[in-house]
Every structure is written in structure tokens, then in C-alpha cells.
């Protein structure tokens, strides 16, 4: 974008869509220093990692994309599992999607207590979680029948 032959190279101002100033600044900082800065706070770090991963895809920075994916996988917790699940569904990140689904299944009470259910916005994700819950109920019933 800022290279030879691109109009942005000589522009006084460049508009970068689909991001915020902090995320774009983190991208430029990464490009200059090779250091990943996701900010402070668990929720902010996950959001910044999502934004930076999209920027890394858009501007073809594969190492940054991998670092962001790793940070997202490490940030899955009771409060972040549902928003990350929805983001993974939206972006087609199968690995993060599977990890979040497993986390929600294994820590359902904690996710619910953290407000994760109220954060759910995507009907497709809701259907997937309901399907997961029904599968778990069926497994429990099958186990009870086999034990009887």
C-alpha cells in the first residue's frame, strides 16, 4: 500500500476501512518492530487479536496472522468463549470454532455465569450450540441405558 506505484505512498491521509486506529497502529508497530501488542485486559486483547488477524489477512502478513490466531486460542475463557465462537464462525476459523465449542460444552455453567449466553447474537451459532447440547444429552441417555 505504501510501496512503489501505489497512490497511498504519496497521500497525506490514507483511509483504512474495517478497523480502528488502535488496531492499525498495532499493525504498523508490528511491521516496524516485529513485536505483537494486543493491549491490556483480557477482553481487549481478544478483540484486538481478531482485528489484527483480519488486517494481517488483508495486507498479507502471514506471521502476524499466525500470532493472532495463537493469541485467540489462548484467550478462550468463560467470558470470551461465545464472542470468539461467533467470530470464528464468521471468519471460517475451524480450529478456533472447535476449541470454543468444546470449551462451552466442558464449562457450560461458567460460560453461563459469565454472561456468555446473553452475548450470543448469531442464530447459526445458537443452533450449533443447541445441537451440541442435544448431542450431549443423547450421549448421557445412551450411557444410562447401557448401564441399566
Protein backbone atom coordinates (compact mmCIF):
# COMPACT_ATOMS: atom_id res chain seq x y z
CA UNK A 1 0.00 0.00 0.00
CA UNK A 2 2.83 2.40 0.79
CA UNK A 3 5.15 0.91 -1.83
CA UNK A 4 6.18 1.93 -5.29
CA UNK A 5 3.39 2.70 -7.70
CA UNK A 6 0.61 2.87 -5.13
CA UNK A 7 -1.33 6.11 -4.70
CA UNK A 8 -1.24 5.78 -0.89
CA UNK A 9 2.54 6.25 -0.91
CA UNK A 10 2.25 9.96 -1.60
CA UNK A 11 -1.11 10.66 0.03
CA UNK A 12 -1.24 12.98 3.03
CA UNK A 13 -4.03 10.90 4.51
CA UNK A 14 -4.99 7.26 3.98
CA UNK A 15 -8.36 5.82 4.97
CA UNK A 16 -8.21 2.22 6.14
CA UNK A 17 -11.66 0.69 6.32
CA UNK A 18 -12.86 -2.06 8.66
CA UNK A 19 -10.51 -1.28 11.56
CA UNK A 20 -9.87 1.23 14.30
CA UNK A 21 -6.88 3.44 15.00
CA UNK A 22 -5.54 1.25 17.83
CA UNK A 23 -5.59 -1.91 15.71
CA UNK A 24 -4.00 -0.24 12.71
CA UNK A 25 -1.36 1.29 14.97
CA UNK A 26 -0.65 -2.18 16.37
CA UNK A 27 -0.24 -3.47 12.79
CA UNK A 28 2.24 -0.73 11.91
CA UNK A 29 4.08 -1.26 15.20
CA UNK A 30 4.32 -4.97 14.43
CA UNK A 31 5.66 -4.28 10.94
CA UNK A 32 8.30 -1.93 12.33
CA UNK A 33 9.35 -3.83 15.46
CA UNK A 34 8.23 -7.46 14.96
CA UNK A 35 6.52 -7.14 18.37
CA UNK A 36 2.86 -8.04 18.88
CA UNK A 37 0.99 -5.62 21.17
CA UNK A 38 -2.56 -6.66 21.99
CA UNK A 39 -3.13 -4.05 24.68
CA UNK A 40 -4.28 -4.50 28.25
CA UNK A 41 -7.17 -6.53 29.57
CA UNK A 42 -8.40 -9.95 28.54
CA UNK A 43 -11.42 -8.77 26.54
CA UNK A 44 -9.46 -6.05 24.78
CA UNK A 45 -6.68 -8.47 23.83
CA UNK A 46 -9.11 -10.90 22.20
CA UNK A 47 -10.84 -8.11 20.26
CA UNK A 48 -7.50 -6.64 19.16
CA UNK A 49 -6.25 -10.09 18.11
CA UNK A 50 -9.40 -10.54 15.98
CA UNK A 51 -8.96 -7.12 14.37
CA UNK A 52 -5.23 -7.64 13.78
CA UNK A 53 -5.78 -11.08 12.29
CA UNK A 54 -8.17 -9.56 9.75
CA UNK A 55 -5.66 -6.83 8.93
CA UNK A 56 -2.89 -9.43 8.64
CA UNK A 57 -5.03 -11.38 6.15
CA UNK A 58 -5.91 -8.24 4.22
CA UNK A 59 -2.31 -7.00 3.98
CA UNK A 60 -0.77 -10.47 3.61
CA UNK A 61 1.29 -10.66 6.80
CA UNK A 62 1.15 -14.42 7.48
CA UNK A 63 3.34 -14.49 10.60
CA UNK A 64 1.18 -11.85 12.29
CA UNK A 65 -1.91 -13.81 11.29
CA UNK A 66 -0.50 -16.93 12.98
CA UNK A 67 0.48 -15.00 16.11
CA UNK A 68 -3.03 -13.56 16.36
CA UNK A 69 -4.61 -16.99 15.86
CA UNK A 70 -2.42 -18.36 18.65
CA UNK A 71 -3.35 -15.45 20.94
CA UNK A 72 -7.04 -16.07 20.24
CA UNK A 73 -6.74 -19.76 21.06
CA UNK A 74 -5.01 -18.87 24.33
CA UNK A 75 -7.69 -16.31 25.24
CA UNK A 76 -10.66 -18.68 25.23
CA UNK A 77 -12.31 -18.45 28.64
CA UNK A 78 -15.78 -18.26 30.20
CA UNK A 79 -16.39 -14.62 29.20
CA UNK A 80 -14.73 -14.80 25.79
CA UNK A 81 -15.82 -18.22 24.51
CA UNK A 82 -19.13 -17.13 22.94
CA UNK A 83 -17.87 -13.94 21.24
CA UNK A 84 -14.84 -15.85 19.94
CA UNK A 85 -17.12 -18.68 18.79
CA UNK A 86 -19.18 -16.22 16.79
CA UNK A 87 -16.07 -14.58 15.35
CA UNK A 88 -14.64 -17.98 14.40
CA UNK A 89 -17.94 -18.87 12.71
CA UNK A 90 -17.95 -15.57 10.80
CA UNK A 91 -14.32 -15.82 9.67
CA UNK A 92 -14.36 -19.56 8.97
CA UNK A 93 -11.66 -20.35 11.54
CA UNK A 94 -12.43 -24.04 12.06
CA UNK A 95 -9.74 -24.60 14.68
CA UNK A 96 -10.91 -21.75 16.93
CA UNK A 97 -14.54 -22.72 16.32
CA UNK A 98 -13.92 -26.28 17.51
CA UNK A 99 -11.95 -25.07 20.52
CA UNK A 100 -14.69 -22.65 21.57
CA UNK A 101 -17.43 -25.26 21.08
CA UNK A 102 -15.51 -27.71 23.24
CA UNK A 103 -14.87 -25.05 25.89
CA UNK A 104 -18.57 -24.13 26.02
CA UNK A 105 -19.53 -27.79 26.32
CA UNK A 106 -16.97 -28.50 29.04
CA UNK A 107 -17.54 -25.28 31.02
CA UNK A 108 -21.23 -24.58 30.40
CA UNK A 109 -22.02 -23.33 33.92
CA UNK A 110 -19.03 -20.94 33.92
CA UNK A 111 -19.90 -19.60 30.46
CA UNK A 112 -23.49 -19.07 31.51
CA UNK A 113 -22.46 -17.36 34.78
CA UNK A 114 -20.13 -15.02 32.87
CA UNK A 115 -22.99 -13.78 30.68
CA UNK A 116 -21.92 -15.78 27.63
CA UNK A 117 -25.48 -16.81 26.75
CA UNK A 118 -26.62 -13.18 26.74
CA UNK A 119 -23.74 -12.29 24.39
CA UNK A 120 -24.96 -14.73 21.75
CA UNK A 121 -26.14 -12.88 18.63
CA UNK A 122 -25.68 -15.23 15.70
CA UNK A 123 -28.61 -17.60 15.14
CA UNK A 124 -26.40 -20.08 13.28
CA UNK A 125 -24.05 -20.30 16.25
CA UNK A 126 -27.01 -20.65 18.61
CA UNK A 127 -28.31 -23.56 16.54
CA UNK A 128 -24.88 -25.18 16.59
CA UNK A 129 -24.63 -24.86 20.37
CA UNK A 130 -28.13 -26.26 20.78
CA UNK A 131 -27.14 -29.20 18.56
CA UNK A 132 -24.04 -29.75 20.72
CA UNK A 133 -26.20 -29.73 23.86
CA UNK A 134 -28.67 -32.20 22.35
CA UNK A 135 -25.80 -34.49 21.35
CA UNK A 136 -24.50 -34.41 24.92
CA UNK A 137 -27.95 -35.25 26.29
CA UNK A 138 -28.22 -38.15 23.85
CA UNK A 139 -24.79 -39.44 24.95
CA UNK A 140 -25.81 -39.23 28.60
CA UNK A 141 -29.05 -41.08 27.91
CA UNK A 142 -27.19 -43.72 25.91
CA UNK A 143 -24.77 -44.17 28.82
CA UNK A 144 -27.64 -44.58 31.28
CA UNK A 145 -29.37 -47.11 29.05
CA UNK A 146 -26.17 -49.13 28.66
CA UNK A 147 -25.60 -49.07 32.44
CA UNK A 148 -29.14 -50.28 33.18
